[in-house]
């Protein structure tokens, strides 16, 4: 079963997360397929830019708790998006949770419809948004992240744009993306690559400096007793024991 759909129009390759059975959760298989598809795009001279989108009403529900990718594989995927010498544009018309927000933050440009919602739900299952902080912390308002990281509250697309998580919000997300994609199509491949390198230098510094420590933190938390309780409670659709 293919988990990543692929289409192309006028130099823009669209990669579609297509794993409806788990709301496009970041399983080991999906992360592997997306990694391979991005690598193909990086090597293809006919690809000017990549659009990352989804089927269904969820862009990504975060890590697949039944089949999670190794933390280093998720780090490698996020870094690959940031370092790819071609712009990656997120197109979101549904919900984004936990690890899916790291995927969104790694993209260069992101557009969403007003129906999209966002939440860092890690604290509700006993872990922390560790690995996904690599692209999030350098690009997103720190006071807003403090609130949403610590509370796990749901927030809206306009709020996501206000705090720097989204580039734009439009009732018709494809209409909102039209001038963006037209601009990318008119840009020289060399100019896009070098300009993206300027924009992502600080983000890549964070990866190179902090990835090992945050990967270790993620592994430690996911193997903890509180995480086992949190994930069990989530799968059983009940509150974990610590809720007061």
C-alpha atoms as a PDB file:
ATOM      1  CA  UNK A   1       0.000   0.000   0.000  1.00  0.00           C
ATOM      2  CA  UNK A   2       1.383   3.380  -1.023  1.00  0.00           C
ATOM      3  CA  UNK A   3       1.136   6.018   1.713  1.00  0.00           C
ATOM      4  CA  UNK A   4       2.422   8.969  -0.333  1.00  0.00           C
ATOM      5  CA  UNK A   5       0.564  10.107  -3.436  1.00  0.00           C
ATOM      6  CA  UNK A   6       2.569  11.922  -6.114  1.00  0.00           C
ATOM      7  CA  UNK A   7       1.438  14.261  -8.890  1.00  0.00           C
ATOM      8  CA  UNK A   8       3.172  17.028 -10.871  1.00  0.00           C
ATOM      9  CA  UNK A   9       1.982  20.214 -12.586  1.00  0.00           C
ATOM     10  CA  UNK A  10       4.260  22.828 -14.164  1.00  0.00           C
ATOM     11  CA  UNK A  11       7.309  21.929 -12.125  1.00  0.00           C
ATOM     12  CA  UNK A  12       5.515  21.596  -8.778  1.00  0.00           C
ATOM     13  CA  UNK A  13       5.491  18.088  -7.305  1.00  0.00           C
ATOM     14  CA  UNK A  14       2.632  17.430  -4.893  1.00  0.00           C
ATOM     15  CA  UNK A  15       3.275  14.813  -2.218  1.00  0.00           C
ATOM     16  CA  UNK A  16       0.072  13.728  -0.494  1.00  0.00           C
ATOM     17  CA  UNK A  17       0.007  12.016   2.903  1.00  0.00           C
ATOM     18  CA  UNK A  18      -2.484   9.217   2.225  1.00  0.00           C
ATOM     19  CA  UNK A  19      -2.858   7.048   5.296  1.00  0.00           C
ATOM     20  CA  UNK A  20      -6.532   7.523   6.225  1.00  0.00           C
ATOM     21  CA  UNK A  21      -6.754   4.542   8.575  1.00  0.00           C
ATOM     22  CA  UNK A  22      -4.645   6.395  11.178  1.00  0.00           C
ATOM     23  CA  UNK A  23      -5.321  10.035  10.166  1.00  0.00           C
ATOM     24  CA  UNK A  24      -1.945  10.326   8.431  1.00  0.00           C
ATOM     25  CA  UNK A  25      -0.068   9.541  11.619  1.00  0.00           C
ATOM     26  CA  UNK A  26       3.710   9.459  11.292  1.00  0.00           C
ATOM     27  CA  UNK A  27       4.280   5.718  11.188  1.00  0.00           C
ATOM     28  CA  UNK A  28       7.641   4.184  10.407  1.00  0.00           C
ATOM     29  CA  UNK A  29       6.325   3.290   6.938  1.00  0.00           C
ATOM     30  CA  UNK A  30       4.954   6.760   6.144  1.00  0.00           C
ATOM     31  CA  UNK A  31       8.134   8.491   7.327  1.00  0.00           C
ATOM     32  CA  UNK A  32      10.196   6.128   5.175  1.00  0.00           C
ATOM     33  CA  UNK A  33       8.086   6.696   2.051  1.00  0.00           C
ATOM     34  CA  UNK A  34       8.049  10.469   2.497  1.00  0.00           C
ATOM     35  CA  UNK A  35      11.814  10.501   2.994  1.00  0.00           C
ATOM     36  CA  UNK A  36      12.289   8.588  -0.274  1.00  0.00           C
ATOM     37  CA  UNK A  37       9.854  10.810  -2.207  1.00  0.00           C
ATOM     38  CA  UNK A  38      11.601  13.987  -1.037  1.00  0.00           C
ATOM     39  CA  UNK A  39      14.980  12.535  -2.008  1.00  0.00           C
ATOM     40  CA  UNK A  40      13.630  11.831  -5.494  1.00  0.00           C
ATOM     41  CA  UNK A  41      12.388  15.428  -5.792  1.00  0.00           C
ATOM     42  CA  UNK A  42      15.738  16.800  -4.660  1.00  0.00           C
ATOM     43  CA  UNK A  43      17.503  14.967  -7.503  1.00  0.00           C
ATOM     44  CA  UNK A  44      14.938  15.781 -10.210  1.00  0.00           C
ATOM     45  CA  UNK A  45      15.887  18.918 -12.175  1.00  0.00           C
ATOM     46  CA  UNK A  46      12.305  19.211 -13.441  1.00  0.00           C
ATOM     47  CA  UNK A  47      10.964  19.774  -9.916  1.00  0.00           C
ATOM     48  CA  UNK A  48      11.005  23.464  -8.972  1.00  0.00           C
ATOM     49  CA  UNK A  49       9.090  23.160  -5.681  1.00  0.00           C
ATOM     50  CA  UNK A  50       7.216  20.603  -3.570  1.00  0.00           C
ATOM     51  CA  UNK A  51       3.724  20.894  -2.092  1.00  0.00           C
ATOM     52  CA  UNK A  52       3.092  18.688   0.944  1.00  0.00           C
ATOM     53  CA  UNK A  53      -0.614  18.018   1.540  1.00  0.00           C
ATOM     54  CA  UNK A  54      -2.983  15.322   2.759  1.00  0.00           C
ATOM     55  CA  UNK A  55      -6.123  13.305   2.192  1.00  0.00           C
ATOM     56  CA  UNK A  56      -8.993  13.359   4.681  1.00  0.00           C
ATOM     57  CA  UNK A  57      -9.686  15.855   7.439  1.00  0.00           C
ATOM     58  CA  UNK A  58      -6.302  15.548   9.157  1.00  0.00           C
ATOM     59  CA  UNK A  59      -2.941  16.711   7.839  1.00  0.00           C
ATOM     60  CA  UNK A  60      -1.216  14.522  10.424  1.00  0.00           C
ATOM     61  CA  UNK A  61      -2.252  13.237  13.836  1.00  0.00           C
ATOM     62  CA  UNK A  62       1.381  13.071  15.003  1.00  0.00           C
ATOM     63  CA  UNK A  63       3.442  10.005  15.775  1.00  0.00           C
ATOM     64  CA  UNK A  64       1.739   6.671  15.204  1.00  0.00           C
ATOM     65  CA  UNK A  65       1.622   5.203  18.713  1.00  0.00           C
ATOM     66  CA  UNK A  66       1.148   1.684  17.322  1.00  0.00           C
ATOM     67  CA  UNK A  67       4.027   1.896  14.834  1.00  0.00           C
ATOM     68  CA  UNK A  68       6.199   4.901  15.750  1.00  0.00           C
ATOM     69  CA  UNK A  69       9.207   5.804  13.634  1.00  0.00           C
ATOM     70  CA  UNK A  70      12.581   5.719  15.374  1.00  0.00           C
ATOM     71  CA  UNK A  71      13.298   9.219  16.769  1.00  0.00           C
ATOM     72  CA  UNK A  72      16.379   9.548  14.567  1.00  0.00           C
ATOM     73  CA  UNK A  73      14.276   8.797  11.459  1.00  0.00           C
ATOM     74  CA  UNK A  74      11.878  11.625  12.297  1.00  0.00           C
ATOM     75  CA  UNK A  75      14.818  13.970  12.944  1.00  0.00           C
ATOM     76  CA  UNK A  76      16.294  13.003   9.584  1.00  0.00           C
ATOM     77  CA  UNK A  77      12.982  13.667   7.806  1.00  0.00           C
ATOM     78  CA  UNK A  78      12.546  17.101   9.378  1.00  0.00           C
ATOM     79  CA  UNK A  79      16.142  18.048   8.591  1.00  0.00           C
ATOM     80  CA  UNK A  80      15.734  16.769   5.037  1.00  0.00           C
ATOM     81  CA  UNK A  81      12.791  19.140   4.465  1.00  0.00           C
ATOM     82  CA  UNK A  82      14.681  22.098   5.927  1.00  0.00           C
ATOM     83  CA  UNK A  83      17.879  21.346   3.985  1.00  0.00           C
ATOM     84  CA  UNK A  84      16.245  20.354   0.678  1.00  0.00           C
ATOM     85  CA  UNK A  85      17.537  22.751  -2.011  1.00  0.00           C
ATOM     86  CA  UNK A  86      13.968  23.353  -3.220  1.00  0.00           C
ATOM     87  CA  UNK A  87      11.102  25.094  -1.437  1.00  0.00           C
ATOM     88  CA  UNK A  88       8.625  22.859   0.376  1.00  0.00           C
ATOM     89  CA  UNK A  89       5.133  24.320   0.747  1.00  0.00           C
ATOM     90  CA  UNK A  90       2.569  22.868   3.164  1.00  0.00           C
ATOM     91  CA  UNK A  91      -1.087  22.845   2.104  1.00  0.00           C
ATOM     92  CA  UNK A  92      -3.379  22.147   5.053  1.00  0.00           C
ATOM     93  CA  UNK A  93      -7.156  21.773   5.016  1.00  0.00           C
ATOM     94  CA  UNK A  94      -7.529  19.701   8.186  1.00  0.00           C
ATOM     95  CA  UNK A  95      -6.247  19.149  11.694  1.00  0.00           C
ATOM     96  CA  UNK A  96      -2.601  19.026  12.753  1.00  0.00           C
ATOM     97  CA  UNK A  97      -1.463  17.459  16.001  1.00  0.00           C
ATOM     98  CA  UNK A  98       1.806  16.852  17.834  1.00  0.00           C
ATOM     99  CA  UNK A  99       4.472  15.526  15.461  1.00  0.00           C
ATOM    100  CA  UNK A 100       2.496  16.804  12.490  1.00  0.00           C
ATOM    101  CA  UNK A 101       3.294  20.316  13.674  1.00  0.00           C
ATOM    102  CA  UNK A 102       6.985  19.547  13.349  1.00  0.00           C
ATOM    103  CA  UNK A 103       6.390  18.501   9.755  1.00  0.00           C
ATOM    104  CA  UNK A 104       4.514  21.747   9.161  1.00  0.00           C
ATOM    105  CA  UNK A 105       7.219  23.883  10.780  1.00  0.00           C
ATOM    106  CA  UNK A 106       9.957  22.270   8.695  1.00  0.00           C
ATOM    107  CA  UNK A 107       8.291  23.526   5.495  1.00  0.00           C
ATOM    108  CA  UNK A 108       9.383  26.865   4.050  1.00  0.00           C
ATOM    109  CA  UNK A 109       5.891  28.207   3.366  1.00  0.00           C
ATOM    110  CA  UNK A 110       2.569  26.994   4.757  1.00  0.00           C
ATOM    111  CA  UNK A 111      -1.044  27.743   3.898  1.00  0.00           C
ATOM    112  CA  UNK A 112      -4.179  26.509   5.629  1.00  0.00           C
ATOM    113  CA  UNK A 113      -7.922  26.871   5.454  1.00  0.00           C
ATOM    114  CA  UNK A 114      -9.793  28.387   8.421  1.00  0.00           C
ATOM    115  CA  UNK A 115     -11.165  24.940   9.276  1.00  0.00           C
ATOM    116  CA  UNK A 116      -7.691  23.673  10.242  1.00  0.00           C
ATOM    117  CA  UNK A 117      -6.923  23.287  13.947  1.00  0.00           C
ATOM    118  CA  UNK A 118      -3.648  22.730  15.761  1.00  0.00           C
ATOM    119  CA  UNK A 119      -2.505  21.291  19.104  1.00  0.00           C
ATOM    120  CA  UNK A 120       0.688  20.111  20.783  1.00  0.00           C
ATOM    121  CA  UNK A 121      -0.884  17.123  22.543  1.00  0.00           C
ATOM    122  CA  UNK A 122       2.348  15.530  23.795  1.00  0.00           C
ATOM    123  CA  UNK A 123       1.895  16.664  27.410  1.00  0.00           C
ATOM    124  CA  UNK A 124      -1.427  14.823  27.556  1.00  0.00           C
ATOM    125  CA  UNK A 125       0.267  11.467  26.978  1.00  0.00           C
ATOM    126  CA  UNK A 126       3.290  12.006  29.233  1.00  0.00           C
ATOM    127  CA  UNK A 127       5.939  13.120  26.730  1.00  0.00           C
ATOM    128  CA  UNK A 128       7.262  16.414  25.350  1.00  0.00           C
ATOM    129  CA  UNK A 129       7.481  17.969  21.850  1.00  0.00           C
ATOM    130  CA  UNK A 130      11.206  17.260  21.852  1.00  0.00           C
ATOM    131  CA  UNK A 131      12.335  16.384  18.327  1.00  0.00           C
ATOM    132  CA  UNK A 132       9.795  18.644  16.621  1.00  0.00           C
ATOM    133  CA  UNK A 133      11.204  21.596  18.559  1.00  0.00           C
ATOM    134  CA  UNK A 134      14.163  21.599  16.166  1.00  0.00           C
ATOM    135  CA  UNK A 135      12.248  23.457  13.417  1.00  0.00           C
ATOM    136  CA  UNK A 136       9.607  24.967  15.721  1.00  0.00           C
ATOM    137  CA  UNK A 137      11.678  26.907  18.255  1.00  0.00           C
ATOM    138  CA  UNK A 138      13.661  28.985  15.715  1.00  0.00           C
ATOM    139  CA  UNK A 139      10.553  29.889  13.676  1.00  0.00           C
ATOM    140  CA  UNK A 140       7.648  30.343  16.077  1.00  0.00           C
ATOM    141  CA  UNK A 141       6.760  32.926  18.729  1.00  0.00           C
ATOM    142  CA  UNK A 142       8.315  31.682  22.013  1.00  0.00           C
ATOM    143  CA  UNK A 143       5.610  33.024  24.346  1.00  0.00           C
ATOM    144  CA  UNK A 144       2.898  31.364  22.275  1.00  0.00           C
ATOM    145  CA  UNK A 145       4.826  28.104  22.188  1.00  0.00           C
ATOM    146  CA  UNK A 146       5.158  28.208  25.974  1.00  0.00           C
ATOM    147  CA  UNK A 147       1.379  28.322  26.274  1.00  0.00           C
ATOM    148  CA  UNK A 148       0.531  25.727  23.674  1.00  0.00           C
ATOM    149  CA  UNK A 149       3.389  23.334  24.513  1.00  0.00           C
ATOM    150  CA  UNK A 150       2.501  23.335  28.233  1.00  0.00           C
ATOM    151  CA  UNK A 151      -1.295  23.190  27.994  1.00  0.00           C
ATOM    152  CA  UNK A 152      -1.917  21.120  24.874  1.00  0.00           C
ATOM    153  CA  UNK A 153      -4.740  23.541  24.000  1.00  0.00           C
ATOM    154  CA  UNK A 154      -6.262  23.514  20.555  1.00  0.00           C
ATOM    155  CA  UNK A 155      -5.764  26.698  18.518  1.00  0.00           C
ATOM    156  CA  UNK A 156      -7.058  28.051  15.224  1.00  0.00           C
ATOM    157  CA  UNK A 157      -5.509  28.715  11.832  1.00  0.00           C
ATOM    158  CA  UNK A 158      -5.510  32.518  12.293  1.00  0.00           C
ATOM    159  CA  UNK A 159      -3.725  32.041  15.624  1.00  0.00           C
ATOM    160  CA  UNK A 160      -1.239  29.676  13.961  1.00  0.00           C
ATOM    161  CA  UNK A 161      -0.514  32.413  11.411  1.00  0.00           C
ATOM    162  CA  UNK A 162      -0.136  35.043  14.149  1.00  0.00           C
ATOM    163  CA  UNK A 163       2.510  33.018  15.977  1.00  0.00           C
ATOM    164  CA  UNK A 164       4.497  32.193  12.834  1.00  0.00           C
ATOM    165  CA  UNK A 165       3.470  28.592  12.316  1.00  0.00           C
ATOM    166  CA  UNK A 166       1.549  29.408   9.115  1.00  0.00           C
ATOM    167  CA  UNK A 167       2.380  31.783   6.279  1.00  0.00           C
ATOM    168  CA  UNK A 168      -1.194  32.458   5.212  1.00  0.00           C
ATOM    169  CA  UNK A 169      -4.807  31.433   5.828  1.00  0.00           C
ATOM    170  CA  UNK A 170      -7.421  31.436   3.066  1.00  0.00           C
ATOM    171  CA  UNK A 171     -10.974  30.153   2.722  1.00  0.00           C
ATOM    172  CA  UNK A 172      -9.812  28.655  -0.591  1.00  0.00           C
ATOM    173  CA  UNK A 173      -6.348  27.385   0.233  1.00  0.00           C
ATOM    174  CA  UNK A 174      -5.506  26.712  -3.415  1.00  0.00           C
ATOM    175  CA  UNK A 175      -6.399  30.281  -4.312  1.00  0.00           C
ATOM    176  CA  UNK A 176      -4.157  31.470  -1.490  1.00  0.00           C
ATOM    177  CA  UNK A 177      -1.319  29.333  -2.829  1.00  0.00           C
ATOM    178  CA  UNK A 178      -1.674  30.430  -6.466  1.00  0.00           C
ATOM    179  CA  UNK A 179       0.531  33.566  -6.269  1.00  0.00           C
ATOM    180  CA  UNK A 180       3.034  31.711  -4.092  1.00  0.00           C
ATOM    181  CA  UNK A 181       3.455  28.837  -6.532  1.00  0.00           C
ATOM    182  CA  UNK A 182       3.520  31.217  -9.492  1.00  0.00           C
ATOM    183  CA  UNK A 183       6.343  33.113  -7.819  1.00  0.00           C
ATOM    184  CA  UNK A 184       8.296  29.924  -7.254  1.00  0.00           C
ATOM    185  CA  UNK A 185       7.801  28.859 -10.871  1.00  0.00           C
ATOM    186  CA  UNK A 186       9.233  32.179 -12.059  1.00  0.00           C
ATOM    187  CA  UNK A 187      12.317  31.928  -9.832  1.00  0.00           C
ATOM    188  CA  UNK A 188      15.609  30.431 -10.984  1.00  0.00           C
ATOM    189  CA  UNK A 189      16.496  27.063  -9.402  1.00  0.00           C
ATOM    190  CA  UNK A 190      19.902  28.412  -8.334  1.00  0.00           C
ATOM    191  CA  UNK A 191      18.341  31.479  -6.728  1.00  0.00           C
ATOM    192  CA  UNK A 192      15.774  29.386  -4.882  1.00  0.00           C
ATOM    193  CA  UNK A 193      18.420  27.042  -3.492  1.00  0.00           C
ATOM    194  CA  UNK A 194      20.738  29.820  -2.331  1.00  0.00           C
ATOM    195  CA  UNK A 195      17.925  31.943  -0.909  1.00  0.00           C
ATOM    196  CA  UNK A 196      16.519  28.973   0.986  1.00  0.00           C
ATOM    197  CA  UNK A 197      19.995  28.298   2.399  1.00  0.00           C
ATOM    198  CA  UNK A 198      20.077  31.852   3.765  1.00  0.00           C
ATOM    199  CA  UNK A 199      16.680  31.432   5.380  1.00  0.00           C
ATOM    200  CA  UNK A 200      17.340  28.023   6.947  1.00  0.00           C
ATOM    201  CA  UNK A 201      20.899  28.496   8.250  1.00  0.00           C
ATOM    202  CA  UNK A 202      19.807  29.123  11.849  1.00  0.00           C
ATOM    203  CA  UNK A 203      17.343  26.245  11.783  1.00  0.00           C
ATOM    204  CA  UNK A 204      20.026  23.837  10.567  1.00  0.00           C
ATOM    205  CA  UNK A 205      22.350  25.116  13.291  1.00  0.00           C
ATOM    206  CA  UNK A 206      19.706  24.053  15.818  1.00  0.00           C
ATOM    207  CA  UNK A 207      19.554  20.581  14.258  1.00  0.00           C
ATOM    208  CA  UNK A 208      23.316  20.169  14.317  1.00  0.00           C
ATOM    209  CA  UNK A 209      23.590  21.456  17.888  1.00  0.00           C
ATOM    210  CA  UNK A 210      20.569  19.874  19.582  1.00  0.00           C
ATOM    211  CA  UNK A 211      19.346  16.861  17.574  1.00  0.00           C
ATOM    212  CA  UNK A 212      21.240  14.213  19.542  1.00  0.00           C
ATOM    213  CA  UNK A 213      20.099  15.547  22.936  1.00  0.00           C
ATOM    214  CA  UNK A 214      16.462  15.917  21.873  1.00  0.00           C
ATOM    215  CA  UNK A 215      16.417  12.468  20.269  1.00  0.00           C
ATOM    216  CA  UNK A 216      17.696  11.004  23.538  1.00  0.00           C
ATOM    217  CA  UNK A 217      15.077  12.964  25.486  1.00  0.00           C
ATOM    218  CA  UNK A 218      12.316  11.692  23.216  1.00  0.00           C
ATOM    219  CA  UNK A 219      13.464   8.087  23.592  1.00  0.00           C
ATOM    220  CA  UNK A 220      13.678   8.426  27.398  1.00  0.00           C
ATOM    221  CA  UNK A 221      10.218   9.938  27.711  1.00  0.00           C
ATOM    222  CA  UNK A 222       8.519   7.448  25.386  1.00  0.00           C
ATOM    223  CA  UNK A 223       9.933   4.559  27.447  1.00  0.00           C
ATOM    224  CA  UNK A 224       8.773   6.035  30.771  1.00  0.00           C
ATOM    225  CA  UNK A 225       5.966   4.762  32.999  1.00  0.00           C
ATOM    226  CA  UNK A 226       3.967   7.978  32.578  1.00  0.00           C
ATOM    227  CA  UNK A 227       4.159   7.712  28.798  1.00  0.00           C
ATOM    228  CA  UNK A 228       2.976   4.105  28.931  1.00  0.00           C
ATOM    229  CA  UNK A 229       0.016   5.215  31.029  1.00  0.00           C
ATOM    230  CA  UNK A 230      -0.655   8.193  28.762  1.00  0.00           C
ATOM    231  CA  UNK A 231      -0.554   6.173  25.553  1.00  0.00           C
ATOM    232  CA  UNK A 232      -2.663   3.386  27.052  1.00  0.00           C
ATOM    233  CA  UNK A 233      -5.240   5.919  28.211  1.00  0.00           C
ATOM    234  CA  UNK A 234      -5.283   7.530  24.765  1.00  0.00           C
ATOM    235  CA  UNK A 235      -5.838   4.201  23.018  1.00  0.00           C
ATOM    236  CA  UNK A 236      -8.523   3.246  25.573  1.00  0.00           C
ATOM    237  CA  UNK A 237     -10.183   6.668  25.198  1.00  0.00           C
ATOM    238  CA  UNK A 238      -9.982   7.512  28.915  1.00  0.00           C
ATOM    239  CA  UNK A 239      -8.209  10.088  31.069  1.00  0.00           C
ATOM    240  CA  UNK A 240      -4.728   9.118  32.272  1.00  0.00           C
ATOM    241  CA  UNK A 241      -4.256   8.546  35.984  1.00  0.00           C
ATOM    242  CA  UNK A 242      -2.633  11.940  36.644  1.00  0.00           C
ATOM    243  CA  UNK A 243      -5.623  14.044  35.585  1.00  0.00           C
ATOM    244  CA  UNK A 244      -6.988  16.022  38.558  1.00  0.00           C
END
